[in-house]
Amino acid sequence: MPAPSIRIDWQRVALNLRSHGIQLQAASRKLGKHAGWLGQMAREEIGRGVEFHDGLRLLDYHLSVCGEAAHLALLSPQQPLPLQEPTT
């Protein structure tokens, strides 16, 4: 049985970072990319093709900024992506 395919919505990742107060230019530089990288992703100017290692770094950063619930929602497209972590 083949392993399930996971597709990441990179635009959603960038927009979620922005909704958590992250400046996309600064985050792009922090991730070792040019300043406009995440902005291009947010505008869907970068297609589905994100380099493997760049994607891993971006997903790790997304998890640390946005939290587990938002991160897990990226892997389940049928669930709405929470913009903020629930407060208890």
PDB file of N, CA and C in Angstrom:
ATOM      1  N   MET A   1       0.847  -1.176   0.000  1.00  0.00           N
ATOM      2  CA  MET A   1       0.000   0.000   0.000  1.00  0.00           C
ATOM      3  C   MET A   1       0.894   1.241   0.000  1.00  0.00           C
ATOM      4  N   PRO A   2       0.693   2.158  -0.968  1.00  0.00           N
ATOM      5  CA  PRO A   2       1.542   3.351  -1.030  1.00  0.00           C
ATOM      6  C   PRO A   2       1.251   4.312   0.119  1.00  0.00           C
ATOM      7  N   ALA A   3       2.263   5.042   0.485  1.00  0.00           N
ATOM      8  CA  ALA A   3       2.110   6.046   1.546  1.00  0.00           C
ATOM      9  C   ALA A   3       1.199   7.161   1.049  1.00  0.00           C
ATOM     10  N   PRO A   4       0.391   7.734   1.951  1.00  0.00           N
ATOM     11  CA  PRO A   4      -0.496   8.828   1.518  1.00  0.00           C
ATOM     12  C   PRO A   4       0.313  10.060   1.123  1.00  0.00           C
ATOM     13  N   SER A   5      -0.189  10.770   0.142  1.00  0.00           N
ATOM     14  CA  SER A   5       0.451  11.992  -0.320  1.00  0.00           C
ATOM     15  C   SER A   5      -0.022  13.168   0.538  1.00  0.00           C
ATOM     16  N   ILE A   6       0.907  13.995   0.951  1.00  0.00           N
ATOM     17  CA  ILE A   6       0.572  15.183   1.734  1.00  0.00           C
ATOM     18  C   ILE A   6       0.863  16.398   0.877  1.00  0.00           C
ATOM     19  N   ARG A   7      -0.137  17.234   0.713  1.00  0.00           N
ATOM     20  CA  ARG A   7       0.034  18.473  -0.049  1.00  0.00           C
ATOM     21  C   ARG A   7      -0.124  19.644   0.904  1.00  0.00           C
ATOM     22  N   ILE A   8       0.849  20.514   0.889  1.00  0.00           N
ATOM     23  CA  ILE A   8       0.834  21.690   1.757  1.00  0.00           C
ATOM     24  C   ILE A   8       0.370  22.899   0.943  1.00  0.00           C
ATOM     25  N   ASP A   9      -0.555  23.650   1.490  1.00  0.00           N
ATOM     26  CA  ASP A   9      -0.999  24.896   0.870  1.00  0.00           C
ATOM     27  C   ASP A   9      -0.055  25.995   1.366  1.00  0.00           C
ATOM     28  N   TRP A  10       0.966  26.291   0.565  1.00  0.00           N
ATOM     29  CA  TRP A  10       2.014  27.220   0.988  1.00  0.00           C
ATOM     30  C   TRP A  10       1.477  28.638   1.140  1.00  0.00           C
ATOM     31  N   GLN A  11       0.514  29.017   0.338  1.00  0.00           N
ATOM     32  CA  GLN A  11      -0.098  30.333   0.504  1.00  0.00           C
ATOM     33  C   GLN A  11      -0.741  30.425   1.888  1.00  0.00           C
ATOM     34  N   ARG A  12      -1.398  29.382   2.291  1.00  0.00           N
ATOM     35  CA  ARG A  12      -2.051  29.355   3.599  1.00  0.00           C
ATOM     36  C   ARG A  12      -1.027  29.466   4.729  1.00  0.00           C
ATOM     37  N   VAL A  13       0.121  28.826   4.540  1.00  0.00           N
ATOM     38  CA  VAL A  13       1.195  28.914   5.539  1.00  0.00           C
ATOM     39  C   VAL A  13       1.623  30.371   5.699  1.00  0.00           C
ATOM     40  N   ALA A  14       1.898  31.043   4.578  1.00  0.00           N
ATOM     41  CA  ALA A  14       2.357  32.435   4.626  1.00  0.00           C
ATOM     42  C   ALA A  14       1.296  33.353   5.229  1.00  0.00           C
ATOM     43  N   LEU A  15       0.049  33.176   4.808  1.00  0.00           N
ATOM     44  CA  LEU A  15      -1.026  34.022   5.339  1.00  0.00           C
ATOM     45  C   LEU A  15      -1.257  33.781   6.821  1.00  0.00           C
ATOM     46  N   ASN A  16      -1.093  32.562   7.246  1.00  0.00           N
ATOM     47  CA  ASN A  16      -1.259  32.257   8.668  1.00  0.00           C
ATOM     48  C   ASN A  16      -0.149  32.917   9.489  1.00  0.00           C
ATOM     49  N   LEU A  17       1.077  32.907   8.992  1.00  0.00           N
ATOM     50  CA  LEU A  17       2.168  33.595   9.688  1.00  0.00           C
ATOM     51  C   LEU A  17       1.845  35.084   9.813  1.00  0.00           C
ATOM     52  N   ARG A  18       1.384  35.680   8.718  1.00  0.00           N
ATOM     53  CA  ARG A  18       1.032  37.096   8.728  1.00  0.00           C
ATOM     54  C   ARG A  18      -0.079  37.372   9.746  1.00  0.00           C
ATOM     55  N   SER A  19      -1.070  36.475   9.829  1.00  0.00           N
ATOM     56  CA  SER A  19      -2.181  36.686  10.762  1.00  0.00           C
ATOM     57  C   SER A  19      -1.732  36.595  12.220  1.00  0.00           C
ATOM     58  N   HIS A  20      -0.571  35.998  12.455  1.00  0.00           N
ATOM     59  CA  HIS A  20      -0.009  35.914  13.799  1.00  0.00           C
ATOM     60  C   HIS A  20       0.977  37.042  14.078  1.00  0.00           C
ATOM     61  N   GLY A  21       0.947  38.078  13.235  1.00  0.00           N
ATOM     62  CA  GLY A  21       1.764  39.264  13.473  1.00  0.00           C
ATOM     63  C   GLY A  21       3.188  39.189  12.963  1.00  0.00           C
ATOM     64  N   ILE A  22       3.489  38.213  12.136  1.00  0.00           N
ATOM     65  CA  ILE A  22       4.843  38.063  11.616  1.00  0.00           C
ATOM     66  C   ILE A  22       4.995  38.882  10.337  1.00  0.00           C
ATOM     67  N   GLN A  23       6.045  39.685  10.266  1.00  0.00           N
ATOM     68  CA  GLN A  23       6.353  40.409   9.031  1.00  0.00           C
ATOM     69  C   GLN A  23       7.004  39.418   8.066  1.00  0.00           C
ATOM     70  N   LEU A  24       6.404  39.263   6.904  1.00  0.00           N
ATOM     71  CA  LEU A  24       6.858  38.230   5.974  1.00  0.00           C
ATOM     72  C   LEU A  24       8.260  38.493   5.446  1.00  0.00           C
ATOM     73  N   GLN A  25       8.655  39.755   5.281  1.00  0.00           N
ATOM     74  CA  GLN A  25      10.013  40.046   4.820  1.00  0.00           C
ATOM     75  C   GLN A  25      11.040  39.572   5.840  1.00  0.00           C
ATOM     76  N   ALA A  26      10.807  39.885   7.105  1.00  0.00           N
ATOM     77  CA  ALA A  26      11.745  39.480   8.153  1.00  0.00           C
ATOM     78  C   ALA A  26      11.791  37.955   8.276  1.00  0.00           C
ATOM     79  N   ALA A  27      10.632  37.320   8.181  1.00  0.00           N
ATOM     80  CA  ALA A  27      10.583  35.856   8.281  1.00  0.00           C
ATOM     81  C   ALA A  27      11.309  35.217   7.102  1.00  0.00           C
ATOM     82  N   SER A  28      11.156  35.786   5.919  1.00  0.00           N
ATOM     83  CA  SER A  28      11.860  35.252   4.743  1.00  0.00           C
ATOM     84  C   SER A  28      13.367  35.270   4.962  1.00  0.00           C
ATOM     85  N   ARG A  29      13.869  36.410   5.443  1.00  0.00           N
ATOM     86  CA  ARG A  29      15.314  36.518   5.709  1.00  0.00           C
ATOM     87  C   ARG A  29      15.748  35.538   6.793  1.00  0.00           C
ATOM     88  N   LYS A  30      14.925  35.419   7.834  1.00  0.00           N
ATOM     89  CA  LYS A  30      15.249  34.491   8.932  1.00  0.00           C
ATOM     90  C   LYS A  30      15.367  33.057   8.423  1.00  0.00           C
ATOM     91  N   LEU A  31      14.574  32.733   7.415  1.00  0.00           N
ATOM     92  CA  LEU A  31      14.587  31.388   6.841  1.00  0.00           C
ATOM     93  C   LEU A  31      15.649  31.228   5.755  1.00  0.00           C
ATOM     94  N   GLY A  32      16.459  32.283   5.547  1.00  0.00           N
ATOM     95  CA  GLY A  32      17.556  32.190   4.591  1.00  0.00           C
ATOM     96  C   GLY A  32      17.151  32.423   3.150  1.00  0.00           C
ATOM     97  N   LYS A  33      16.027  33.080   2.943  1.00  0.00           N
ATOM     98  CA  LYS A  33      15.539  33.343   1.603  1.00  0.00           C
ATOM     99  C   LYS A  33      15.560  34.849   1.337  1.00  0.00           C
ATOM    100  N   HIS A  34      15.288  35.261   0.089  1.00  0.00           N
ATOM    101  CA  HIS A  34      15.247  36.686  -0.218  1.00  0.00           C
ATOM    102  C   HIS A  34      14.021  37.300   0.457  1.00  0.00           C
ATOM    103  N   ALA A  35      14.056  38.597   0.680  1.00  0.00           N
ATOM    104  CA  ALA A  35      13.041  39.292   1.481  1.00  0.00           C
ATOM    105  C   ALA A  35      11.619  39.116   0.961  1.00  0.00           C
ATOM    106  N   GLY A  36      11.448  38.951  -0.336  1.00  0.00           N
ATOM    107  CA  GLY A  36      10.106  38.849  -0.899  1.00  0.00           C
ATOM    108  C   GLY A  36       9.547  37.448  -1.009  1.00  0.00           C
ATOM    109  N   TRP A  37      10.296  36.446  -0.556  1.00  0.00           N
ATOM    110  CA  TRP A  37       9.908  35.044  -0.747  1.00  0.00           C
ATOM    111  C   TRP A  37       8.529  34.729  -0.181  1.00  0.00           C
ATOM    112  N   LEU A  38       8.296  35.008   1.094  1.00  0.00           N
ATOM    113  CA  LEU A  38       7.000  34.695   1.693  1.00  0.00           C
ATOM    114  C   LEU A  38       5.890  35.597   1.162  1.00  0.00           C
ATOM    115  N   GLY A  39       6.216  36.825   0.806  1.00  0.00           N
ATOM    116  CA  GLY A  39       5.228  37.708   0.191  1.00  0.00           C
ATOM    117  C   GLY A  39       4.749  37.146  -1.143  1.00  0.00           C
ATOM    118  N   GLN A  40       5.683  36.636  -1.922  1.00  0.00           N
ATOM    119  CA  GLN A  40       5.324  36.001  -3.190  1.00  0.00           C
ATOM    120  C   GLN A  40       4.460  34.769  -2.943  1.00  0.00           C
ATOM    121  N   MET A  41       4.783  34.039  -1.912  1.00  0.00           N
ATOM    122  CA  MET A  41       4.002  32.855  -1.556  1.00  0.00           C
ATOM    123  C   MET A  41       2.582  33.265  -1.141  1.00  0.00           C
ATOM    124  N   ALA A  42       2.474  34.331  -0.363  1.00  0.00           N
ATOM    125  CA  ALA A  42       1.166  34.808   0.099  1.00  0.00           C
ATOM    126  C   ALA A  42       0.296  35.253  -1.080  1.00  0.00           C
ATOM    127  N   ARG A  43       0.922  35.759  -2.131  1.00  0.00           N
ATOM    128  CA  ARG A  43       0.191  36.216  -3.321  1.00  0.00           C
ATOM    129  C   ARG A  43       0.066  35.114  -4.363  1.00  0.00           C
ATOM    130  N   GLU A  44       0.512  33.923  -4.036  1.00  0.00           N
ATOM    131  CA  GLU A  44       0.509  32.758  -4.924  1.00  0.00           C
ATOM    132  C   GLU A  44       1.331  32.974  -6.179  1.00  0.00           C
ATOM    133  N   GLU A  45       2.389  33.780  -6.060  1.00  0.00           N
ATOM    134  CA  GLU A  45       3.300  33.958  -7.182  1.00  0.00           C
ATOM    135  C   GLU A  45       4.301  32.818  -7.240  1.00  0.00           C
ATOM    136  N   ILE A  46       4.470  32.155  -6.121  1.00  0.00           N
ATOM    137  CA  ILE A  46       5.286  30.941  -6.073  1.00  0.00           C
ATOM    138  C   ILE A  46       4.284  29.801  -6.097  1.00  0.00           C
ATOM    139  N   GLY A  47       4.413  28.951  -7.072  1.00  0.00           N
ATOM    140  CA  GLY A  47       3.469  27.852  -7.223  1.00  0.00           C
ATOM    141  C   GLY A  47       3.594  26.816  -6.123  1.00  0.00           C
ATOM    142  N   ARG A  48       3.276  25.640  -6.458  1.00  0.00           N
ATOM    143  CA  ARG A  48       3.296  24.527  -5.504  1.00  0.00           C
ATOM    144  C   ARG A  48       4.718  24.048  -5.237  1.00  0.00           C
ATOM    145  N   GLY A  49       5.685  24.542  -6.000  1.00  0.00           N
ATOM    146  CA  GLY A  49       7.036  24.034  -5.908  1.00  0.00           C
ATOM    147  C   GLY A  49       7.907  24.762  -4.892  1.00  0.00           C
ATOM    148  N   VAL A  50       7.927  24.264  -3.681  1.00  0.00           N
ATOM    149  CA  VAL A  50       8.833  24.775  -2.648  1.00  0.00           C
ATOM    150  C   VAL A  50       9.887  23.698  -2.437  1.00  0.00           C
ATOM    151  N   GLU A  51      11.141  24.107  -2.471  1.00  0.00           N
ATOM    152  CA  GLU A  51      12.227  23.147  -2.272  1.00  0.00           C
ATOM    153  C   GLU A  51      12.041  22.403  -0.955  1.00  0.00           C
ATOM    154  N   PHE A  52      12.407  21.142  -0.926  1.00  0.00           N
ATOM    155  CA  PHE A  52      12.185  20.278   0.229  1.00  0.00           C
ATOM    156  C   PHE A  52      12.712  20.887   1.530  1.00  0.00           C
ATOM    157  N   HIS A  53      13.981  21.274   1.547  1.00  0.00           N
ATOM    158  CA  HIS A  53      14.582  21.790   2.779  1.00  0.00           C
ATOM    159  C   HIS A  53      13.985  23.138   3.179  1.00  0.00           C
ATOM    160  N   ASP A  54      13.662  23.967   2.198  1.00  0.00           N
ATOM    161  CA  ASP A  54      12.994  25.243   2.492  1.00  0.00           C
ATOM    162  C   ASP A  54      11.633  24.984   3.120  1.00  0.00           C
ATOM    163  N   GLY A  55      10.927  24.000   2.578  1.00  0.00           N
ATOM    164  CA  GLY A  55       9.622  23.642   3.115  1.00  0.00           C
ATOM    165  C   GLY A  55       9.699  23.138   4.539  1.00  0.00           C
ATOM    166  N   LEU A  56      10.701  22.318   4.829  1.00  0.00           N
ATOM    167  CA  LEU A  56      10.872  21.822   6.199  1.00  0.00           C
ATOM    168  C   LEU A  56      11.134  22.960   7.177  1.00  0.00           C
ATOM    169  N   ARG A  57      12.035  23.885   6.789  1.00  0.00           N
ATOM    170  CA  ARG A  57      12.330  25.028   7.658  1.00  0.00           C
ATOM    171  C   ARG A  57      11.086  25.890   7.863  1.00  0.00           C
ATOM    172  N   LEU A  58      10.331  26.114   6.788  1.00  0.00           N
ATOM    173  CA  LEU A  58       9.130  26.939   6.879  1.00  0.00           C
ATOM    174  C   LEU A  58       8.072  26.266   7.753  1.00  0.00           C
ATOM    175  N   LEU A  59       7.880  24.973   7.614  1.00  0.00           N
ATOM    176  CA  LEU A  59       6.890  24.276   8.440  1.00  0.00           C
ATOM    177  C   LEU A  59       7.301  24.277   9.908  1.00  0.00           C
ATOM    178  N   ASP A  60       8.584  24.128  10.183  1.00  0.00           N
ATOM    179  CA  ASP A  60       9.064  24.182  11.562  1.00  0.00           C
ATOM    180  C   ASP A  60       8.811  25.568  12.156  1.00  0.00           C
ATOM    181  N   TYR A  61       9.083  26.604  11.378  1.00  0.00           N
ATOM    182  CA  TYR A  61       8.845  27.984  11.824  1.00  0.00           C
ATOM    183  C   TYR A  61       7.347  28.213  12.044  1.00  0.00           C
ATOM    184  N   HIS A  62       6.531  27.741  11.132  1.00  0.00           N
ATOM    185  CA  HIS A  62       5.076  27.865  11.247  1.00  0.00           C
ATOM    186  C   HIS A  62       4.590  27.224  12.544  1.00  0.00           C
ATOM    187  N   LEU A  63       5.075  26.039  12.848  1.00  0.00           N
ATOM    188  CA  LEU A  63       4.683  25.355  14.085  1.00  0.00           C
ATOM    189  C   LEU A  63       5.059  26.182  15.304  1.00  0.00           C
ATOM    190  N   SER A  64       6.265  26.738  15.318  1.00  0.00           N
ATOM    191  CA  SER A  64       6.715  27.497  16.497  1.00  0.00           C
ATOM    192  C   SER A  64       5.939  28.801  16.664  1.00  0.00           C
ATOM    193  N   VAL A  65       5.510  29.409  15.563  1.00  0.00           N
ATOM    194  CA  VAL A  65       4.792  30.689  15.627  1.00  0.00           C
ATOM    195  C   VAL A  65       3.294  30.496  15.830  1.00  0.00           C
ATOM    196  N   CYS A  66       2.713  29.597  15.082  1.00  0.00           N
ATOM    197  CA  CYS A  66       1.246  29.488  15.008  1.00  0.00           C
ATOM    198  C   CYS A  66       0.658  28.425  15.916  1.00  0.00           C
ATOM    199  N   GLY A  67       1.475  27.516  16.398  1.00  0.00           N
ATOM    200  CA  GLY A  67       0.987  26.490  17.307  1.00  0.00           C
ATOM    201  C   GLY A  67       0.541  25.222  16.597  1.00  0.00           C
ATOM    202  N   GLU A  68       0.325  24.204  17.402  1.00  0.00           N
ATOM    203  CA  GLU A  68       0.041  22.874  16.883  1.00  0.00           C
ATOM    204  C   GLU A  68      -1.295  22.783  16.145  1.00  0.00           C
ATOM    205  N   ALA A  69      -2.334  23.426  16.656  1.00  0.00           N
ATOM    206  CA  ALA A  69      -3.654  23.322  16.021  1.00  0.00           C
ATOM    207  C   ALA A  69      -3.627  23.871  14.597  1.00  0.00           C
ATOM    208  N   ALA A  70      -3.043  25.049  14.414  1.00  0.00           N
ATOM    209  CA  ALA A  70      -2.951  25.640  13.082  1.00  0.00           C
ATOM    210  C   ALA A  70      -2.055  24.802  12.180  1.00  0.00           C
ATOM    211  N   HIS A  71      -1.010  24.255  12.760  1.00  0.00           N
ATOM    212  CA  HIS A  71      -0.071  23.441  11.999  1.00  0.00           C
ATOM    213  C   HIS A  71      -0.738  22.160  11.504  1.00  0.00           C
ATOM    214  N   LEU A  72      -1.437  21.483  12.388  1.00  0.00           N
ATOM    215  CA  LEU A  72      -2.113  20.244  11.997  1.00  0.00           C
ATOM    216  C   LEU A  72      -3.207  20.492  10.971  1.00  0.00           C
ATOM    217  N   ALA A  73      -3.842  21.649  11.037  1.00  0.00           N
ATOM    218  CA  ALA A  73      -4.892  21.978  10.067  1.00  0.00           C
ATOM    219  C   ALA A  73      -4.332  22.080   8.649  1.00  0.00           C
ATOM    220  N   LEU A  74      -3.058  22.396   8.525  1.00  0.00           N
ATOM    221  CA  LEU A  74      -2.445  22.452   7.194  1.00  0.00           C
ATOM    222  C   LEU A  74      -2.450  21.087   6.524  1.00  0.00           C
ATOM    223  N   LEU A  75      -2.392  20.041   7.326  1.00  0.00           N
ATOM    224  CA  LEU A  75      -2.330  18.690   6.791  1.00  0.00           C
ATOM    225  C   LEU A  75      -3.711  18.094   6.567  1.00  0.00           C
ATOM    226  N   SER A  76      -4.766  18.800   6.976  1.00  0.00           N
ATOM    227  CA  SER A  76      -6.138  18.329   6.840  1.00  0.00           C
ATOM    228  C   SER A  76      -6.950  19.389   6.109  1.00  0.00           C
ATOM    229  N   PRO A  77      -6.941  19.373   4.788  1.00  0.00           N
ATOM    230  CA  PRO A  77      -7.581  20.450   4.040  1.00  0.00           C
ATOM    231  C   PRO A  77      -9.086  20.567   4.264  1.00  0.00           C
ATOM    232  N   GLN A  78      -9.739  19.526   4.729  1.00  0.00           N
ATOM    233  CA  GLN A  78     -11.173  19.612   4.961  1.00  0.00           C
ATOM    234  C   GLN A  78     -11.508  20.397   6.223  1.00  0.00           C
ATOM    235  N   GLN A  79     -10.546  20.674   7.081  1.00  0.00           N
ATOM    236  CA  GLN A  79     -10.779  21.424   8.296  1.00  0.00           C
ATOM    237  C   GLN A  79     -10.382  22.880   8.084  1.00  0.00           C
ATOM    238  N   PRO A  80     -11.155  23.832   8.617  1.00  0.00           N
ATOM    239  CA  PRO A  80     -10.744  25.237   8.504  1.00  0.00           C
ATOM    240  C   PRO A  80      -9.490  25.499   9.314  1.00  0.00           C
ATOM    241  N   LEU A  81      -8.653  26.376   8.811  1.00  0.00           N
ATOM    242  CA  LEU A  81      -7.406  26.717   9.468  1.00  0.00           C
ATOM    243  C   LEU A  81      -7.675  27.761  10.550  1.00  0.00           C
ATOM    244  N   PRO A  82      -7.405  27.437  11.811  1.00  0.00           N
ATOM    245  CA  PRO A  82      -7.610  28.441  12.843  1.00  0.00           C
ATOM    246  C   PRO A  82      -6.584  29.557  12.705  1.00  0.00           C
ATOM    247  N   LEU A  83      -7.052  30.795  12.830  1.00  0.00           N
ATOM    248  CA  LEU A  83      -6.156  31.924  12.694  1.00  0.00           C
ATOM    249  C   LEU A  83      -5.364  32.173  13.961  1.00  0.00           C
ATOM    250  N   GLN A  84      -5.911  31.842  15.088  1.00  0.00           N
ATOM    251  CA  GLN A  84      -5.233  32.039  16.378  1.00  0.00           C
ATOM    252  C   GLN A  84      -5.404  30.777  17.207  1.00  0.00           C
ATOM    253  N   GLU A  85      -4.465  30.551  18.095  1.00  0.00           N
ATOM    254  CA  GLU A  85      -4.590  29.447  19.035  1.00  0.00           C
ATOM    255  C   GLU A  85      -5.760  29.736  19.968  1.00  0.00           C
ATOM    256  N   PRO A  86      -6.554  28.736  20.313  1.00  0.00           N
ATOM    257  CA  PRO A  86      -7.644  28.978  21.267  1.00  0.00           C
ATOM    258  C   PRO A  86      -7.077  29.389  22.626  1.00  0.00           C
ATOM    259  N   THR A  87      -7.728  30.325  23.270  1.00  0.00           N
ATOM    260  CA  THR A  87      -7.302  30.747  24.605  1.00  0.00           C
ATOM    261  C   THR A  87      -8.183  30.064  25.634  1.00  0.00           C
ATOM    262  N   THR A  88      -7.555  29.580  26.670  1.00  0.00           N
ATOM    263  CA  THR A  88      -8.319  28.893  27.722  1.00  0.00           C
ATOM    264  C   THR A  88      -8.106  29.563  29.047  1.00  0.00           C
TER     265      THR A  88
END
